[in-house]
Structure formats: structure tokens, C-alpha cells
Amino acid sequence: PARQDLLLQSQKTAQAIPKNIVDVVVVGVGGSSLGPKALHQVYENPKAQRRLHFCDNVDPVEFHRVLEKLESLENTFWIFTSKSGTTIETLLIADYVQQLLQEKHLSLEGRASVV
């Protein structure tokens, strides 16, 4: 029963992503991103309406490469994932993304989920 509830909650979260979202960025390190990344590589659909990107370290060059692939910050949804909820790398990236959005007069509200 608990797994079914989790599945329903996950589906509800996915359906709540705004329709204008083109890019989804999963931010997490280690096991928090390896599983989703592996599943994406196996089941990737080139015809999908949304593009999925991964940011799994704090290397600024790599993060900039991810940013360059995005259509715009306005049309990007962020998923911050951390098993402990205290992973410093994930928290640092979340803070930086929030700063980037604020510079464009945008906020994380409605553009992000924490797992």
C-alpha cells in the first residue's frame, strides 16, 4: 500500500509541472542521480515533449554546459534530489539556481521539486 501511495504522489507531482516547461534538470550527486540517469539512458524517448538534463557535481564548467542546453530559465523545471536532505553540493546548486532565477525576476516556486 505504501508503494502505491508513493506512485500516486509521484504521478501527481509530475502532472503538476507547468505546461510551458521544456527542460527538466535533475540535481543530485551519487546515488541520488545515478539511478534516474540510468533509467533515462535506458528509456530515453527522443520524441519526448520535455528534455531531461542532469547536474551531478559542482563543477562550474559542467553546470554552465547544462545551462547552455536549456531553452530558458523561465521554461525549466528543477528537481533537487538528496537522500539525506543535507547534501551540500545539491544545496549549493539550489542556492545558485535561486540566485539565477532572482536575477531574471523569477522564483523557484512552481519551477522546482525536492525529492
N, C-alpha and C. Protein backbone atom coordinates (compact mmCIF):
# COMPACT_ATOMS: atom_id res chain seq x y z
N PRO A 1 0.81 -1.21 0.00
CA PRO A 1 0.00 0.00 0.00
C PRO A 1 0.86 1.28 0.00
N ALA A 2 1.95 1.29 0.76
CA ALA A 2 2.78 2.50 0.83
C ALA A 2 3.41 2.79 -0.53
N ARG A 3 3.79 1.75 -1.26
CA ARG A 3 4.38 1.95 -2.59
C ARG A 3 3.36 2.54 -3.55
N GLN A 4 2.13 2.09 -3.46
CA GLN A 4 1.08 2.62 -4.34
C GLN A 4 0.86 4.10 -4.04
N ASP A 5 0.88 4.46 -2.75
CA ASP A 5 0.74 5.86 -2.37
C ASP A 5 1.89 6.70 -2.93
N LEU A 6 3.08 6.15 -2.87
CA LEU A 6 4.25 6.86 -3.39
C LEU A 6 4.14 7.04 -4.90
N LEU A 7 3.68 6.01 -5.59
CA LEU A 7 3.50 6.10 -7.03
C LEU A 7 2.47 7.18 -7.37
N LEU A 8 1.36 7.18 -6.67
CA LEU A 8 0.32 8.19 -6.92
C LEU A 8 0.83 9.60 -6.62
N GLN A 9 1.59 9.74 -5.55
CA GLN A 9 2.15 11.05 -5.21
C GLN A 9 3.14 11.50 -6.29
N SER A 10 3.95 10.59 -6.80
CA SER A 10 4.91 10.92 -7.85
C SER A 10 4.18 11.33 -9.13
N GLN A 11 3.12 10.62 -9.47
CA GLN A 11 2.35 10.97 -10.66
C GLN A 11 1.70 12.34 -10.50
N LYS A 12 1.20 12.62 -9.32
CA LYS A 12 0.58 13.92 -9.05
C LYS A 12 1.60 15.05 -9.19
N THR A 13 2.81 14.82 -8.68
CA THR A 13 3.87 15.82 -8.79
C THR A 13 4.23 16.04 -10.25
N ALA A 14 4.36 14.98 -11.01
CA ALA A 14 4.71 15.10 -12.44
C ALA A 14 3.63 15.85 -13.20
N GLN A 15 2.37 15.59 -12.89
CA GLN A 15 1.27 16.26 -13.57
C GLN A 15 1.18 17.74 -13.20
N ALA A 16 1.75 18.11 -12.06
CA ALA A 16 1.69 19.50 -11.61
C ALA A 16 2.77 20.38 -12.26
N ILE A 17 3.69 19.77 -12.99
CA ILE A 17 4.72 20.55 -13.68
C ILE A 17 4.02 21.41 -14.72
N PRO A 18 4.28 22.72 -14.71
CA PRO A 18 3.60 23.62 -15.65
C PRO A 18 3.77 23.19 -17.10
N LYS A 19 2.76 23.45 -17.90
CA LYS A 19 2.74 23.02 -19.30
C LYS A 19 3.82 23.68 -20.15
N ASN A 20 4.27 24.88 -19.76
CA ASN A 20 5.27 25.60 -20.56
C ASN A 20 6.69 25.07 -20.36
N ILE A 21 6.87 24.10 -19.50
CA ILE A 21 8.21 23.58 -19.20
C ILE A 21 8.72 22.76 -20.38
N VAL A 22 9.92 23.11 -20.83
CA VAL A 22 10.57 22.42 -21.94
C VAL A 22 11.71 21.55 -21.43
N ASP A 23 12.43 22.06 -20.42
CA ASP A 23 13.59 21.36 -19.88
C ASP A 23 13.38 21.03 -18.42
N VAL A 24 13.84 19.84 -18.03
CA VAL A 24 13.81 19.42 -16.63
C VAL A 24 15.24 19.07 -16.24
N VAL A 25 15.72 19.67 -15.15
CA VAL A 25 17.07 19.41 -14.69
C VAL A 25 17.01 18.68 -13.35
N VAL A 26 17.64 17.51 -13.30
CA VAL A 26 17.74 16.73 -12.06
C VAL A 26 19.08 17.08 -11.43
N VAL A 27 19.04 17.60 -10.21
CA VAL A 27 20.25 17.99 -9.48
C VAL A 27 20.42 17.05 -8.30
N GLY A 28 21.51 16.31 -8.29
CA GLY A 28 21.80 15.40 -7.19
C GLY A 28 23.14 14.75 -7.43
N VAL A 29 23.77 14.29 -6.38
CA VAL A 29 25.07 13.64 -6.52
C VAL A 29 25.00 12.19 -6.07
N GLY A 30 25.94 11.39 -6.58
CA GLY A 30 25.99 9.99 -6.18
C GLY A 30 24.74 9.24 -6.57
N GLY A 31 24.27 8.41 -5.66
CA GLY A 31 23.09 7.59 -5.90
C GLY A 31 21.83 8.38 -6.14
N SER A 32 21.81 9.63 -5.70
CA SER A 32 20.62 10.46 -5.91
C SER A 32 20.40 10.79 -7.38
N SER A 33 21.46 10.73 -8.18
CA SER A 33 21.29 10.99 -9.60
C SER A 33 21.61 9.78 -10.48
N LEU A 34 22.40 8.84 -9.97
CA LEU A 34 22.79 7.70 -10.80
C LEU A 34 21.60 6.85 -11.23
N GLY A 35 20.69 6.57 -10.33
CA GLY A 35 19.51 5.77 -10.67
C GLY A 35 18.66 6.44 -11.73
N PRO A 36 18.24 7.68 -11.49
CA PRO A 36 17.44 8.38 -12.52
C PRO A 36 18.18 8.51 -13.85
N LYS A 37 19.48 8.76 -13.80
CA LYS A 37 20.27 8.90 -15.03
C LYS A 37 20.29 7.58 -15.80
N ALA A 38 20.48 6.47 -15.10
CA ALA A 38 20.49 5.15 -15.75
C ALA A 38 19.14 4.85 -16.39
N LEU A 39 18.07 5.12 -15.67
CA LEU A 39 16.73 4.88 -16.23
C LEU A 39 16.48 5.75 -17.46
N HIS A 40 16.93 6.98 -17.39
CA HIS A 40 16.77 7.88 -18.54
C HIS A 40 17.53 7.35 -19.76
N GLN A 41 18.74 6.87 -19.54
CA GLN A 41 19.54 6.35 -20.65
C GLN A 41 18.89 5.12 -21.27
N VAL A 42 18.26 4.30 -20.45
CA VAL A 42 17.62 3.09 -20.96
C VAL A 42 16.31 3.41 -21.67
N TYR A 43 15.51 4.32 -21.09
CA TYR A 43 14.16 4.56 -21.61
C TYR A 43 14.00 5.90 -22.32
N GLU A 44 15.09 6.55 -22.65
CA GLU A 44 15.01 7.87 -23.28
C GLU A 44 14.15 7.83 -24.54
N ASN A 45 13.28 8.81 -24.65
CA ASN A 45 12.40 8.92 -25.81
C ASN A 45 12.77 10.18 -26.58
N PRO A 46 13.38 10.04 -27.75
CA PRO A 46 13.80 11.23 -28.50
C PRO A 46 12.64 12.11 -28.92
N LYS A 47 11.42 11.59 -28.88
CA LYS A 47 10.24 12.38 -29.27
C LYS A 47 9.54 13.00 -28.07
N ALA A 48 10.14 12.88 -26.90
CA ALA A 48 9.53 13.41 -25.68
C ALA A 48 9.33 14.93 -25.79
N GLN A 49 8.28 15.42 -25.16
CA GLN A 49 7.99 16.85 -25.19
C GLN A 49 8.96 17.65 -24.33
N ARG A 50 9.56 16.99 -23.36
CA ARG A 50 10.49 17.68 -22.47
C ARG A 50 11.86 17.01 -22.55
N ARG A 51 12.88 17.84 -22.37
CA ARG A 51 14.26 17.33 -22.38
C ARG A 51 14.73 17.21 -20.93
N LEU A 52 15.41 16.12 -20.64
CA LEU A 52 15.90 15.86 -19.29
C LEU A 52 17.41 16.04 -19.25
N HIS A 53 17.88 16.79 -18.25
CA HIS A 53 19.30 17.06 -18.06
C HIS A 53 19.68 16.67 -16.64
N PHE A 54 20.96 16.38 -16.43
CA PHE A 54 21.44 16.02 -15.11
C PHE A 54 22.59 16.91 -14.70
N CYS A 55 22.57 17.34 -13.47
CA CYS A 55 23.67 18.10 -12.88
C CYS A 55 24.05 17.32 -11.62
N ASP A 56 25.18 16.61 -11.70
CA ASP A 56 25.53 15.70 -10.61
C ASP A 56 26.86 16.02 -9.94
N ASN A 57 27.34 17.26 -10.11
CA ASN A 57 28.52 17.70 -9.37
C ASN A 57 28.54 19.23 -9.35
N VAL A 58 29.48 19.80 -8.63
CA VAL A 58 29.52 21.27 -8.50
C VAL A 58 30.56 21.90 -9.43
N ASP A 59 31.02 21.17 -10.42
CA ASP A 59 31.96 21.72 -11.39
C ASP A 59 31.26 22.85 -12.16
N PRO A 60 31.75 24.09 -12.04
CA PRO A 60 31.08 25.22 -12.69
C PRO A 60 31.07 25.11 -14.22
N VAL A 61 32.08 24.51 -14.80
CA VAL A 61 32.10 24.35 -16.26
C VAL A 61 30.99 23.41 -16.70
N GLU A 62 30.86 22.29 -16.01
CA GLU A 62 29.81 21.33 -16.34
C GLU A 62 28.42 21.94 -16.12
N PHE A 63 28.25 22.68 -15.03
CA PHE A 63 26.96 23.31 -14.76
C PHE A 63 26.64 24.32 -15.86
N HIS A 64 27.63 25.08 -16.30
CA HIS A 64 27.42 26.04 -17.38
C HIS A 64 27.01 25.33 -18.67
N ARG A 65 27.59 24.16 -18.93
CA ARG A 65 27.20 23.37 -20.11
C ARG A 65 25.73 22.97 -20.05
N VAL A 66 25.28 22.59 -18.87
CA VAL A 66 23.86 22.25 -18.71
C VAL A 66 23.01 23.49 -18.97
N LEU A 67 23.39 24.63 -18.39
CA LEU A 67 22.63 25.86 -18.59
C LEU A 67 22.53 26.24 -20.07
N GLU A 68 23.61 26.03 -20.81
CA GLU A 68 23.61 26.37 -22.23
C GLU A 68 22.63 25.53 -23.04
N LYS A 69 22.30 24.35 -22.57
CA LYS A 69 21.38 23.46 -23.27
C LYS A 69 19.91 23.83 -23.04
N LEU A 70 19.66 24.65 -22.03
CA LEU A 70 18.28 24.98 -21.68
C LEU A 70 17.70 26.02 -22.63
N GLU A 71 16.42 25.85 -22.95
CA GLU A 71 15.76 26.84 -23.78
C GLU A 71 15.76 28.19 -23.08
N SER A 72 15.36 28.20 -21.82
CA SER A 72 15.37 29.40 -20.99
C SER A 72 15.15 28.98 -19.54
N LEU A 73 15.55 29.84 -18.62
CA LEU A 73 15.29 29.55 -17.21
C LEU A 73 13.80 29.57 -16.93
N GLU A 74 13.08 30.38 -17.65
CA GLU A 74 11.63 30.50 -17.44
C GLU A 74 10.90 29.20 -17.78
N ASN A 75 11.44 28.44 -18.72
CA ASN A 75 10.80 27.20 -19.15
C ASN A 75 11.51 25.96 -18.64
N THR A 76 12.18 26.10 -17.49
CA THR A 76 12.93 24.99 -16.91
C THR A 76 12.38 24.61 -15.54
N PHE A 77 12.23 23.32 -15.31
CA PHE A 77 11.80 22.79 -14.02
C PHE A 77 12.99 22.09 -13.39
N TRP A 78 13.21 22.33 -12.10
CA TRP A 78 14.36 21.79 -11.38
C TRP A 78 13.89 20.74 -10.38
N ILE A 79 14.57 19.59 -10.35
CA ILE A 79 14.31 18.56 -9.35
C ILE A 79 15.59 18.41 -8.54
N PHE A 80 15.53 18.79 -7.28
CA PHE A 80 16.68 18.68 -6.38
C PHE A 80 16.50 17.41 -5.56
N THR A 81 17.45 16.51 -5.66
CA THR A 81 17.29 15.22 -5.00
C THR A 81 18.48 14.92 -4.09
N SER A 82 18.14 14.48 -2.87
CA SER A 82 19.16 14.16 -1.88
C SER A 82 18.55 13.16 -0.91
N LYS A 83 19.21 12.04 -0.73
CA LYS A 83 18.68 11.03 0.20
C LYS A 83 18.65 11.56 1.64
N SER A 84 19.67 12.33 2.01
CA SER A 84 19.74 12.84 3.38
C SER A 84 19.03 14.18 3.54
N GLY A 85 18.89 14.90 2.44
CA GLY A 85 18.32 16.25 2.52
C GLY A 85 19.34 17.30 2.95
N THR A 86 20.56 16.86 3.17
CA THR A 86 21.59 17.80 3.63
C THR A 86 22.85 17.76 2.76
N THR A 87 22.76 17.17 1.58
CA THR A 87 23.93 17.07 0.70
C THR A 87 24.35 18.48 0.28
N ILE A 88 25.54 18.88 0.68
CA ILE A 88 25.99 20.26 0.49
C ILE A 88 26.06 20.64 -0.98
N GLU A 89 26.49 19.72 -1.84
CA GLU A 89 26.59 20.04 -3.27
C GLU A 89 25.21 20.37 -3.85
N THR A 90 24.23 19.58 -3.51
CA THR A 90 22.87 19.81 -4.00
C THR A 90 22.32 21.13 -3.46
N LEU A 91 22.57 21.39 -2.18
CA LEU A 91 22.10 22.64 -1.58
C LEU A 91 22.77 23.85 -2.20
N LEU A 92 24.07 23.75 -2.50
CA LEU A 92 24.79 24.86 -3.14
C LEU A 92 24.23 25.15 -4.52
N ILE A 93 23.97 24.10 -5.28
CA ILE A 93 23.41 24.30 -6.62
C ILE A 93 22.01 24.90 -6.53
N ALA A 94 21.21 24.44 -5.58
CA ALA A 94 19.87 25.00 -5.38
C ALA A 94 19.96 26.49 -5.08
N ASP A 95 20.87 26.89 -4.22
CA ASP A 95 21.06 28.31 -3.90
C ASP A 95 21.46 29.10 -5.14
N TYR A 96 22.36 28.53 -5.93
CA TYR A 96 22.83 29.22 -7.13
C TYR A 96 21.70 29.36 -8.16
N VAL A 97 20.92 28.31 -8.33
CA VAL A 97 19.78 28.37 -9.25
C VAL A 97 18.80 29.44 -8.79
N GLN A 98 18.55 29.50 -7.49
CA GLN A 98 17.66 30.53 -6.96
C GLN A 98 18.19 31.93 -7.28
N GLN A 99 19.49 32.14 -7.16
CA GLN A 99 20.09 33.43 -7.49
C GLN A 99 19.91 33.74 -8.98
N LEU A 100 20.16 32.75 -9.83
CA LEU A 100 19.98 32.96 -11.27
C LEU A 100 18.55 33.36 -11.60
N LEU A 101 17.60 32.67 -10.98
CA LEU A 101 16.20 32.99 -11.23
C LEU A 101 15.84 34.38 -10.73
N GLN A 102 16.34 34.74 -9.55
CA GLN A 102 16.05 36.07 -9.00
C GLN A 102 16.58 37.18 -9.90
N GLU A 103 17.74 36.95 -10.52
CA GLU A 103 18.28 37.93 -11.45
C GLU A 103 17.35 38.17 -12.63
N LYS A 104 16.54 37.18 -12.97
CA LYS A 104 15.57 37.28 -14.08
C LYS A 104 14.17 37.60 -13.56
N HIS A 105 14.09 37.95 -12.27
CA HIS A 105 12.81 38.25 -11.60
C HIS A 105 11.86 37.06 -11.63
N LEU A 106 12.45 35.86 -11.44
CA LEU A 106 11.70 34.62 -11.36
C LEU A 106 11.97 33.98 -10.01
N SER A 107 11.21 32.98 -9.66
CA SER A 107 11.44 32.27 -8.40
C SER A 107 11.38 30.77 -8.63
N LEU A 108 11.86 30.03 -7.64
CA LEU A 108 11.80 28.56 -7.71
C LEU A 108 10.38 28.05 -7.53
N GLU A 109 9.54 28.85 -6.91
CA GLU A 109 8.15 28.41 -6.68
C GLU A 109 7.47 28.06 -7.99
N GLY A 110 6.95 26.86 -8.06
CA GLY A 110 6.30 26.39 -9.28
C GLY A 110 7.27 25.91 -10.34
N ARG A 111 8.57 26.04 -10.07
CA ARG A 111 9.60 25.62 -11.03
C ARG A 111 10.55 24.59 -10.42
N ALA A 112 10.19 24.03 -9.29
CA ALA A 112 11.12 23.12 -8.62
C ALA A 112 10.37 22.13 -7.72
N SER A 113 11.03 21.00 -7.52
CA SER A 113 10.54 19.99 -6.59
C SER A 113 11.76 19.45 -5.85
N VAL A 114 11.55 19.06 -4.61
CA VAL A 114 12.63 18.49 -3.80
C VAL A 114 12.25 17.05 -3.48
N VAL A 115 13.20 16.15 -3.76
CA VAL A 115 12.95 14.72 -3.53
C VAL A 115 13.98 14.22 -2.53
